[in-house]
N, C-alpha and C. Protein backbone atom coordinates (compact mmCIF):
# COMPACT_ATOMS: atom_id res chain seq x y z
N MET A 1 123.52 122.58 98.85
CA MET A 1 124.69 121.95 99.39
C MET A 1 125.42 121.29 98.23
N SER A 2 126.71 121.44 98.16
CA SER A 2 127.52 120.84 97.10
C SER A 2 128.54 119.88 97.69
N VAL A 3 128.79 118.80 96.97
CA VAL A 3 129.76 117.80 97.37
C VAL A 3 130.57 117.44 96.14
N ASP A 4 131.89 117.38 96.27
CA ASP A 4 132.73 116.91 95.16
C ASP A 4 132.75 115.40 95.19
N GLY A 5 132.54 114.79 94.03
CA GLY A 5 132.61 113.34 93.92
C GLY A 5 133.61 112.99 92.84
N ARG A 6 134.27 111.87 93.01
CA ARG A 6 135.28 111.46 92.04
C ARG A 6 135.27 109.94 91.99
N ARG A 7 135.06 109.41 90.80
CA ARG A 7 135.11 107.96 90.62
C ARG A 7 136.56 107.56 90.38
N GLY A 8 136.99 106.54 91.07
CA GLY A 8 138.35 106.07 90.92
C GLY A 8 138.49 104.95 89.91
N SER A 9 137.38 104.45 89.36
CA SER A 9 137.47 103.31 88.44
C SER A 9 138.06 103.74 87.11
N ALA A 10 138.53 102.77 86.38
CA ALA A 10 139.11 103.03 85.06
C ALA A 10 138.05 102.97 83.98
N GLN A 11 136.78 102.84 84.38
CA GLN A 11 135.72 102.76 83.37
C GLN A 11 135.59 104.10 82.70
N ALA A 12 135.99 104.15 81.47
CA ALA A 12 135.79 105.36 80.69
C ALA A 12 134.77 105.00 79.64
N GLY A 13 134.75 105.71 78.58
CA GLY A 13 133.78 105.39 77.55
C GLY A 13 132.70 106.43 77.52
N ARG A 14 131.90 106.30 76.52
CA ARG A 14 130.88 107.30 76.31
C ARG A 14 129.64 106.97 77.11
N ARG A 15 129.09 107.97 77.70
CA ARG A 15 127.79 107.87 78.36
C ARG A 15 126.74 108.07 77.29
N GLY A 16 125.53 107.67 77.60
CA GLY A 16 124.43 107.87 76.66
C GLY A 16 124.12 109.34 76.51
N SER A 17 123.08 109.61 75.77
CA SER A 17 122.67 111.00 75.58
C SER A 17 122.30 111.59 76.94
N GLY A 18 122.17 112.89 76.99
CA GLY A 18 121.80 113.56 78.23
C GLY A 18 120.50 113.03 78.79
N HIS A 19 119.54 112.73 77.92
CA HIS A 19 118.25 112.21 78.38
C HIS A 19 118.43 110.83 79.01
N GLU A 20 119.25 109.98 78.38
CA GLU A 20 119.49 108.64 78.94
C GLU A 20 120.21 108.74 80.28
N THR A 21 121.19 109.64 80.37
CA THR A 21 121.92 109.82 81.63
C THR A 21 120.97 110.30 82.71
N ARG A 22 120.11 111.27 82.39
CA ARG A 22 119.15 111.79 83.36
C ARG A 22 118.21 110.69 83.81
N ALA A 23 117.68 109.92 82.87
CA ALA A 23 116.75 108.85 83.21
C ALA A 23 117.43 107.81 84.09
N ALA A 24 118.67 107.45 83.78
CA ALA A 24 119.41 106.47 84.59
C ALA A 24 119.64 107.01 86.01
N LEU A 25 120.00 108.28 86.11
CA LEU A 25 120.22 108.88 87.42
C LEU A 25 118.91 108.96 88.21
N MET A 26 117.81 109.28 87.54
CA MET A 26 116.51 109.32 88.21
C MET A 26 116.18 107.94 88.78
N ARG A 27 116.37 106.89 87.98
CA ARG A 27 116.09 105.52 88.45
C ARG A 27 117.00 105.14 89.61
N LEU A 28 118.25 105.52 89.54
CA LEU A 28 119.22 105.18 90.59
C LEU A 28 118.92 105.92 91.90
N LEU A 29 118.60 107.20 91.80
CA LEU A 29 118.48 108.04 92.98
C LEU A 29 117.10 108.05 93.62
N GLU A 30 116.05 107.76 92.86
CA GLU A 30 114.69 107.86 93.39
C GLU A 30 114.49 107.03 94.65
N PRO A 31 114.91 105.76 94.70
CA PRO A 31 114.69 105.00 95.94
C PRO A 31 115.47 105.56 97.14
N VAL A 32 116.66 106.09 96.90
CA VAL A 32 117.46 106.68 97.98
C VAL A 32 116.76 107.91 98.54
N ILE A 33 116.27 108.74 97.64
CA ILE A 33 115.62 109.98 98.04
C ILE A 33 114.28 109.70 98.71
N ALA A 34 113.52 108.76 98.16
CA ALA A 34 112.24 108.37 98.77
C ALA A 34 112.48 107.79 100.17
N GLY A 35 113.54 107.01 100.32
CA GLY A 35 113.87 106.44 101.63
C GLY A 35 114.20 107.50 102.67
N ALA A 36 114.65 108.66 102.21
CA ALA A 36 114.95 109.77 103.12
C ALA A 36 113.72 110.64 103.37
N GLY A 37 112.58 110.27 102.75
CA GLY A 37 111.34 111.01 102.98
C GLY A 37 111.09 112.16 102.03
N PHE A 38 111.82 112.19 100.91
CA PHE A 38 111.67 113.27 99.94
C PHE A 38 111.13 112.73 98.62
N ASP A 39 110.67 113.64 97.78
CA ASP A 39 110.32 113.34 96.40
C ASP A 39 111.44 113.85 95.52
N LEU A 40 111.84 113.05 94.54
CA LEU A 40 112.83 113.48 93.56
C LEU A 40 112.10 114.27 92.48
N GLU A 41 112.41 115.55 92.37
CA GLU A 41 111.77 116.41 91.38
C GLU A 41 112.51 116.40 90.05
N ASP A 42 113.83 116.43 90.10
CA ASP A 42 114.59 116.45 88.85
C ASP A 42 116.06 116.20 89.13
N VAL A 43 116.76 115.78 88.08
CA VAL A 43 118.22 115.66 88.09
C VAL A 43 118.71 116.36 86.83
N ILE A 44 119.63 117.28 86.99
CA ILE A 44 120.17 118.05 85.87
C ILE A 44 121.68 117.90 85.88
N VAL A 45 122.24 117.42 84.78
CA VAL A 45 123.69 117.25 84.66
C VAL A 45 124.18 118.24 83.61
N THR A 46 125.13 119.09 84.02
CA THR A 46 125.68 120.08 83.09
C THR A 46 127.20 120.07 83.18
N PRO A 47 127.88 120.36 82.05
CA PRO A 47 129.34 120.46 82.10
C PRO A 47 129.74 121.67 82.94
N ALA A 48 130.79 121.51 83.71
CA ALA A 48 131.33 122.61 84.53
C ALA A 48 132.85 122.52 84.46
N GLY A 49 133.40 123.02 83.36
CA GLY A 49 134.85 122.91 83.16
C GLY A 49 135.22 121.47 82.88
N LYS A 50 136.19 120.95 83.62
CA LYS A 50 136.62 119.56 83.45
C LYS A 50 135.71 118.59 84.19
N ARG A 51 134.84 119.12 85.01
CA ARG A 51 133.92 118.29 85.79
C ARG A 51 132.50 118.47 85.26
N ARG A 52 131.59 117.76 85.86
CA ARG A 52 130.17 117.94 85.59
C ARG A 52 129.48 118.32 86.88
N GLN A 53 128.45 119.13 86.76
CA GLN A 53 127.63 119.48 87.91
C GLN A 53 126.39 118.59 87.86
N VAL A 54 126.11 117.92 88.96
CA VAL A 54 124.92 117.10 89.09
C VAL A 54 124.02 117.80 90.09
N ARG A 55 122.92 118.34 89.60
CA ARG A 55 121.99 119.07 90.46
C ARG A 55 120.78 118.19 90.70
N VAL A 56 120.54 117.84 91.94
CA VAL A 56 119.44 116.98 92.33
C VAL A 56 118.44 117.84 93.09
N ILE A 57 117.21 117.89 92.59
CA ILE A 57 116.17 118.73 93.19
C ILE A 57 115.20 117.83 93.93
N VAL A 58 115.06 118.08 95.24
CA VAL A 58 114.19 117.28 96.10
C VAL A 58 113.17 118.18 96.77
N ASP A 59 112.04 117.59 97.15
CA ASP A 59 111.00 118.35 97.84
C ASP A 59 110.25 117.39 98.75
N ALA A 60 109.44 117.94 99.65
CA ALA A 60 108.63 117.14 100.56
C ALA A 60 107.47 117.98 101.04
N ASP A 61 106.41 117.31 101.45
CA ASP A 61 105.31 118.02 102.12
C ASP A 61 105.90 118.67 103.36
N GLY A 62 105.59 119.92 103.58
CA GLY A 62 106.13 120.64 104.72
C GLY A 62 107.50 121.26 104.46
N GLY A 63 108.03 121.06 103.25
CA GLY A 63 109.30 121.68 102.89
C GLY A 63 110.50 120.79 103.20
N VAL A 64 111.67 121.32 102.91
CA VAL A 64 112.93 120.59 103.04
C VAL A 64 113.84 121.39 103.97
N SER A 65 114.32 120.74 105.03
CA SER A 65 115.23 121.42 105.96
C SER A 65 116.67 121.31 105.49
N LEU A 66 117.49 122.20 105.95
CA LEU A 66 118.92 122.17 105.62
C LEU A 66 119.56 120.87 106.12
N ASP A 67 119.18 120.43 107.32
CA ASP A 67 119.71 119.17 107.84
C ASP A 67 119.28 118.00 106.97
N GLY A 68 118.03 118.01 106.51
CA GLY A 68 117.55 116.96 105.63
C GLY A 68 118.31 116.92 104.33
N VAL A 69 118.58 118.09 103.76
CA VAL A 69 119.35 118.18 102.51
C VAL A 69 120.77 117.66 102.74
N ALA A 70 121.38 118.01 103.86
CA ALA A 70 122.74 117.55 104.16
C ALA A 70 122.77 116.02 104.26
N ASP A 71 121.79 115.45 104.96
CA ASP A 71 121.76 113.99 105.12
C ASP A 71 121.57 113.28 103.79
N VAL A 72 120.61 113.74 102.99
CA VAL A 72 120.35 113.06 101.72
C VAL A 72 121.49 113.30 100.74
N SER A 73 122.19 114.43 100.85
CA SER A 73 123.35 114.70 99.99
C SER A 73 124.43 113.64 100.21
N GLN A 74 124.68 113.30 101.47
CA GLN A 74 125.68 112.27 101.76
C GLN A 74 125.27 110.92 101.19
N GLU A 75 123.98 110.58 101.31
CA GLU A 75 123.50 109.31 100.76
C GLU A 75 123.61 109.28 99.23
N ILE A 76 123.24 110.38 98.59
CA ILE A 76 123.32 110.47 97.13
C ILE A 76 124.77 110.35 96.68
N SER A 77 125.66 111.06 97.34
CA SER A 77 127.08 111.02 96.99
C SER A 77 127.62 109.60 97.08
N HIS A 78 127.26 108.89 98.14
CA HIS A 78 127.70 107.52 98.32
C HIS A 78 127.19 106.63 97.19
N VAL A 79 125.92 106.74 96.86
CA VAL A 79 125.33 105.93 95.78
C VAL A 79 125.99 106.24 94.45
N LEU A 80 126.21 107.51 94.15
CA LEU A 80 126.85 107.88 92.88
C LEU A 80 128.29 107.34 92.82
N ASP A 81 129.01 107.44 93.93
CA ASP A 81 130.39 106.96 93.95
C ASP A 81 130.48 105.45 93.83
N GLU A 82 129.49 104.73 94.34
CA GLU A 82 129.50 103.27 94.29
C GLU A 82 128.98 102.72 92.95
N SER A 83 128.32 103.54 92.18
CA SER A 83 127.78 103.09 90.88
C SER A 83 128.70 103.60 89.77
N ASP A 84 128.41 103.20 88.56
CA ASP A 84 129.17 103.73 87.42
C ASP A 84 128.36 104.80 86.68
N ALA A 85 127.35 105.32 87.35
CA ALA A 85 126.45 106.29 86.71
C ALA A 85 127.16 107.55 86.21
N MET A 86 128.21 107.96 86.90
CA MET A 86 128.91 109.18 86.52
C MET A 86 130.21 108.88 85.77
N GLY A 87 130.46 107.61 85.49
CA GLY A 87 131.70 107.27 84.79
C GLY A 87 132.90 107.54 85.68
N SER A 88 134.04 107.75 85.05
CA SER A 88 135.26 107.93 85.83
C SER A 88 135.59 109.40 86.08
N GLY A 89 134.85 110.30 85.49
CA GLY A 89 135.13 111.72 85.67
C GLY A 89 134.64 112.24 87.01
N SER A 90 135.18 113.36 87.41
CA SER A 90 134.76 113.97 88.66
C SER A 90 133.49 114.79 88.42
N TYR A 91 132.79 115.03 89.50
CA TYR A 91 131.55 115.79 89.43
C TYR A 91 131.36 116.59 90.70
N VAL A 92 130.53 117.60 90.61
CA VAL A 92 130.13 118.38 91.77
C VAL A 92 128.65 118.11 91.98
N LEU A 93 128.31 117.65 93.16
CA LEU A 93 126.93 117.34 93.49
C LEU A 93 126.29 118.52 94.21
N GLU A 94 125.15 118.93 93.74
CA GLU A 94 124.36 119.97 94.41
C GLU A 94 122.98 119.40 94.67
N VAL A 95 122.55 119.40 95.92
CA VAL A 95 121.21 118.96 96.27
C VAL A 95 120.47 120.17 96.78
N THR A 96 119.31 120.41 96.22
CA THR A 96 118.57 121.63 96.53
C THR A 96 117.07 121.35 96.50
N SER A 97 116.32 122.30 96.98
CA SER A 97 114.86 122.23 96.87
C SER A 97 114.44 123.13 95.71
N PRO A 98 113.25 122.90 95.17
CA PRO A 98 112.81 123.72 94.03
C PRO A 98 112.56 125.16 94.48
N GLY A 99 112.82 126.07 93.59
CA GLY A 99 112.58 127.48 93.89
C GLY A 99 111.12 127.85 93.65
N VAL A 100 110.80 129.06 93.98
CA VAL A 100 109.43 129.54 93.82
C VAL A 100 109.02 129.57 92.34
N ASP A 101 110.00 129.60 91.45
CA ASP A 101 109.68 129.66 90.02
C ASP A 101 109.45 128.29 89.39
N ARG A 102 109.49 127.23 90.20
CA ARG A 102 109.25 125.88 89.70
C ARG A 102 107.84 125.80 89.13
N PRO A 103 107.68 125.25 87.93
CA PRO A 103 106.33 125.09 87.40
C PRO A 103 105.54 124.06 88.22
N LEU A 104 104.28 124.33 88.42
CA LEU A 104 103.39 123.40 89.11
C LEU A 104 102.81 122.47 88.05
N THR A 105 103.26 121.25 88.01
CA THR A 105 102.83 120.31 86.97
C THR A 105 102.25 119.03 87.53
N GLN A 106 102.56 118.70 88.77
CA GLN A 106 102.10 117.46 89.40
C GLN A 106 101.10 117.78 90.51
N PRO A 107 100.18 116.87 90.81
CA PRO A 107 99.25 117.12 91.92
C PRO A 107 99.95 117.50 93.22
N ARG A 108 101.10 116.88 93.52
CA ARG A 108 101.81 117.21 94.77
C ARG A 108 102.31 118.65 94.75
N HIS A 109 102.67 119.18 93.58
CA HIS A 109 103.11 120.57 93.49
C HIS A 109 101.96 121.50 93.86
N TRP A 110 100.78 121.21 93.32
CA TRP A 110 99.61 122.04 93.61
C TRP A 110 99.23 121.93 95.08
N ARG A 111 99.30 120.72 95.65
CA ARG A 111 98.96 120.52 97.06
C ARG A 111 99.90 121.34 97.94
N ARG A 112 101.18 121.36 97.58
CA ARG A 112 102.16 122.10 98.38
C ARG A 112 102.04 123.60 98.21
N ALA A 113 101.30 124.05 97.21
CA ALA A 113 101.09 125.47 96.97
C ALA A 113 99.81 125.98 97.64
N ALA A 114 99.17 125.16 98.46
CA ALA A 114 97.93 125.57 99.13
C ALA A 114 98.16 126.89 99.86
N GLY A 115 97.23 127.82 99.65
CA GLY A 115 97.32 129.15 100.27
C GLY A 115 98.10 130.16 99.46
N ARG A 116 98.78 129.71 98.43
CA ARG A 116 99.61 130.60 97.61
C ARG A 116 98.83 131.11 96.41
N LEU A 117 99.20 132.29 95.94
CA LEU A 117 98.64 132.86 94.73
C LEU A 117 99.39 132.26 93.54
N VAL A 118 98.64 131.75 92.55
CA VAL A 118 99.27 131.14 91.38
C VAL A 118 98.65 131.69 90.11
N ARG A 119 99.42 131.64 89.05
CA ARG A 119 98.93 131.93 87.71
C ARG A 119 99.04 130.63 86.94
N ALA A 120 97.89 130.18 86.39
CA ALA A 120 97.86 128.90 85.69
C ALA A 120 97.52 129.12 84.22
N THR A 121 98.26 128.42 83.37
CA THR A 121 97.97 128.40 81.94
C THR A 121 97.04 127.22 81.68
N LEU A 122 95.95 127.50 80.98
CA LEU A 122 94.96 126.47 80.69
C LEU A 122 95.30 125.76 79.38
N THR A 123 95.03 124.47 79.31
CA THR A 123 95.34 123.70 78.10
C THR A 123 94.52 124.17 76.90
N GLU A 124 93.33 124.70 77.13
CA GLU A 124 92.47 125.20 76.05
C GLU A 124 92.82 126.63 75.66
N GLY A 125 93.82 127.19 76.32
CA GLY A 125 94.22 128.58 76.06
C GLY A 125 93.75 129.48 77.18
N GLY A 126 94.44 130.56 77.35
CA GLY A 126 94.11 131.50 78.40
C GLY A 126 94.81 131.19 79.70
N GLU A 127 94.56 132.04 80.69
CA GLU A 127 95.17 131.91 82.00
C GLU A 127 94.15 132.23 83.07
N ILE A 128 94.43 131.76 84.26
CA ILE A 128 93.64 132.12 85.43
C ILE A 128 94.61 132.37 86.57
N THR A 129 94.33 133.42 87.34
CA THR A 129 95.13 133.71 88.52
C THR A 129 94.23 133.59 89.73
N GLY A 130 94.69 132.87 90.74
CA GLY A 130 93.89 132.70 91.94
C GLY A 130 94.72 132.06 93.04
N ARG A 131 94.11 132.00 94.21
CA ARG A 131 94.76 131.39 95.36
C ARG A 131 94.35 129.93 95.45
N VAL A 132 95.32 129.04 95.65
CA VAL A 132 95.03 127.62 95.78
C VAL A 132 94.36 127.40 97.13
N THR A 133 93.09 126.98 97.09
CA THR A 133 92.39 126.70 98.35
C THR A 133 92.48 125.24 98.72
N SER A 134 92.58 124.36 97.72
CA SER A 134 92.77 122.93 97.99
C SER A 134 93.23 122.25 96.71
N ALA A 135 93.79 121.07 96.89
CA ALA A 135 94.22 120.25 95.75
C ALA A 135 94.21 118.80 96.20
N ASP A 136 93.78 117.93 95.30
CA ASP A 136 93.83 116.50 95.58
C ASP A 136 94.43 115.81 94.37
N ASP A 137 94.23 114.51 94.24
CA ASP A 137 94.86 113.77 93.15
C ASP A 137 94.21 114.01 91.79
N THR A 138 93.04 114.67 91.76
CA THR A 138 92.33 114.86 90.49
C THR A 138 92.18 116.31 90.06
N ALA A 139 92.19 117.24 91.01
CA ALA A 139 91.91 118.63 90.66
C ALA A 139 92.46 119.59 91.71
N VAL A 140 92.49 120.86 91.30
CA VAL A 140 92.88 121.94 92.19
C VAL A 140 91.72 122.93 92.23
N VAL A 141 91.52 123.56 93.38
CA VAL A 141 90.49 124.58 93.53
C VAL A 141 91.21 125.92 93.72
N LEU A 142 90.88 126.86 92.82
CA LEU A 142 91.45 128.20 92.88
C LEU A 142 90.37 129.20 93.24
N ASP A 143 90.68 130.11 94.15
CA ASP A 143 89.80 131.22 94.46
C ASP A 143 90.30 132.41 93.65
N SER A 144 89.52 132.79 92.65
CA SER A 144 89.88 133.91 91.79
C SER A 144 88.85 135.01 91.96
N ASP A 145 89.25 136.08 92.60
CA ASP A 145 88.37 137.23 92.86
C ASP A 145 87.06 136.81 93.54
N GLY A 146 87.16 135.92 94.53
CA GLY A 146 85.99 135.51 95.31
C GLY A 146 85.18 134.37 94.69
N SER A 147 85.54 133.92 93.51
CA SER A 147 84.85 132.79 92.88
C SER A 147 85.76 131.58 92.87
N GLU A 148 85.20 130.43 93.30
CA GLU A 148 85.99 129.21 93.30
C GLU A 148 85.88 128.50 91.96
N HIS A 149 87.02 128.04 91.47
CA HIS A 149 87.10 127.31 90.20
C HIS A 149 87.80 125.98 90.47
N ARG A 150 87.07 124.87 90.22
CA ARG A 150 87.68 123.55 90.36
C ARG A 150 88.17 123.14 88.97
N LEU A 151 89.48 122.94 88.84
CA LEU A 151 90.08 122.62 87.56
C LEU A 151 90.78 121.26 87.65
N GLY A 152 90.39 120.36 86.76
CA GLY A 152 91.08 119.08 86.68
C GLY A 152 92.47 119.30 86.11
N TYR A 153 93.40 118.44 86.45
CA TYR A 153 94.78 118.61 85.99
C TYR A 153 94.89 118.55 84.47
N ALA A 154 93.97 117.85 83.82
CA ALA A 154 93.98 117.80 82.35
C ALA A 154 93.64 119.17 81.76
N GLU A 155 93.00 120.04 82.53
CA GLU A 155 92.66 121.38 82.07
C GLU A 155 93.80 122.38 82.26
N LEU A 156 94.83 121.98 83.00
CA LEU A 156 95.93 122.87 83.34
C LEU A 156 97.21 122.45 82.62
N ALA A 157 97.80 123.39 81.89
CA ALA A 157 99.09 123.11 81.26
C ALA A 157 100.18 123.17 82.33
N ARG A 158 100.17 124.22 83.10
CA ARG A 158 101.12 124.40 84.21
C ARG A 158 100.70 125.62 85.00
N GLY A 159 101.30 125.76 86.15
CA GLY A 159 101.05 126.92 86.99
C GLY A 159 102.35 127.41 87.57
N ARG A 160 102.33 128.62 88.04
CA ARG A 160 103.50 129.20 88.72
C ARG A 160 103.02 129.98 89.92
N VAL A 161 103.73 129.80 91.04
CA VAL A 161 103.45 130.58 92.23
C VAL A 161 103.86 132.01 91.95
N GLN A 162 103.03 132.94 92.35
CA GLN A 162 103.31 134.35 92.19
C GLN A 162 103.91 134.89 93.50
N VAL A 163 104.96 135.66 93.38
CA VAL A 163 105.60 136.23 94.56
C VAL A 163 104.74 137.38 95.06
N GLU A 164 104.42 137.34 96.35
CA GLU A 164 103.60 138.39 96.96
C GLU A 164 104.43 139.08 98.04
N PHE A 165 104.65 140.36 97.86
CA PHE A 165 105.43 141.09 98.84
C PHE A 165 104.56 141.65 99.96
N ASN A 166 103.35 142.01 99.66
CA ASN A 166 102.44 142.60 100.66
C ASN A 166 101.10 141.89 100.61
N ARG A 167 101.10 140.64 100.98
CA ARG A 167 99.87 139.86 100.95
C ARG A 167 98.94 140.34 102.05
N ARG A 168 97.67 140.57 101.68
CA ARG A 168 96.69 140.96 102.69
C ARG A 168 96.54 139.83 103.69
N GLY A 169 96.44 140.20 104.97
CA GLY A 169 96.26 139.21 106.02
C GLY A 169 97.55 138.74 106.64
N ASP A 170 98.70 139.16 106.12
CA ASP A 170 99.97 138.74 106.70
C ASP A 170 100.12 139.22 108.14
N ASP A 171 99.51 140.35 108.47
CA ASP A 171 99.64 140.91 109.81
C ASP A 171 98.57 140.40 110.77
N ASP A 172 97.58 139.64 110.27
CA ASP A 172 96.52 139.12 111.12
C ASP A 172 97.10 138.25 112.22
N GLY A 173 96.71 138.49 113.43
CA GLY A 173 97.17 137.67 114.55
C GLY A 173 98.59 137.96 115.00
N ALA A 174 99.17 139.04 114.53
CA ALA A 174 100.54 139.37 114.91
C ALA A 174 100.59 139.79 116.37
N ALA A 175 101.73 139.58 116.97
CA ALA A 175 101.91 139.96 118.37
C ALA A 175 101.69 141.46 118.50
N GLY A 176 101.10 141.85 119.60
CA GLY A 176 100.90 143.26 119.86
C GLY A 176 99.56 143.78 119.40
N ASP A 177 98.70 142.90 118.87
CA ASP A 177 97.35 143.32 118.49
C ASP A 177 96.59 143.74 119.73
N GLU A 178 95.82 144.80 119.60
CA GLU A 178 95.03 145.28 120.72
C GLU A 178 93.57 145.10 120.41
N ASP A 179 92.75 144.86 121.46
CA ASP A 179 91.30 144.72 121.28
C ASP A 179 90.63 146.04 121.31
């Protein structure tokens, strides 16, 4: 969802570096997003012609609904317009959920990937591919070719969900099954 925002104040001047702007926006928006029941995953600000694009990535256990994104977009837009975080220039706000290619780096990412096939890069080198059977605040359990591997997050550099087009078991319990 995208929203055009425009600050009417005369405050011009230079904004900090991109990292400082991102950090300031994360601090400003995190309580708003948490209040709406979401986790703030990232804020990305990029030039888009005469405007800037502000991309806010949110997620939640159980996923993010379109209605939820619409509601939090309005709240974010209001907060940005009332603050001087974006300066006096106009911006385009986009609020979205992370895509399947999002790296799994936090325990909540691994927890939300339960049941999914992932490829994980190990901090000591190498990779492991397996299905996430469980994840908690300290480790993730992957089923790799019938063997379970419990890996602490310190052992994992990152993971990525693998797209499965023909996952075995997708048809289990489908309507029309006969005995």
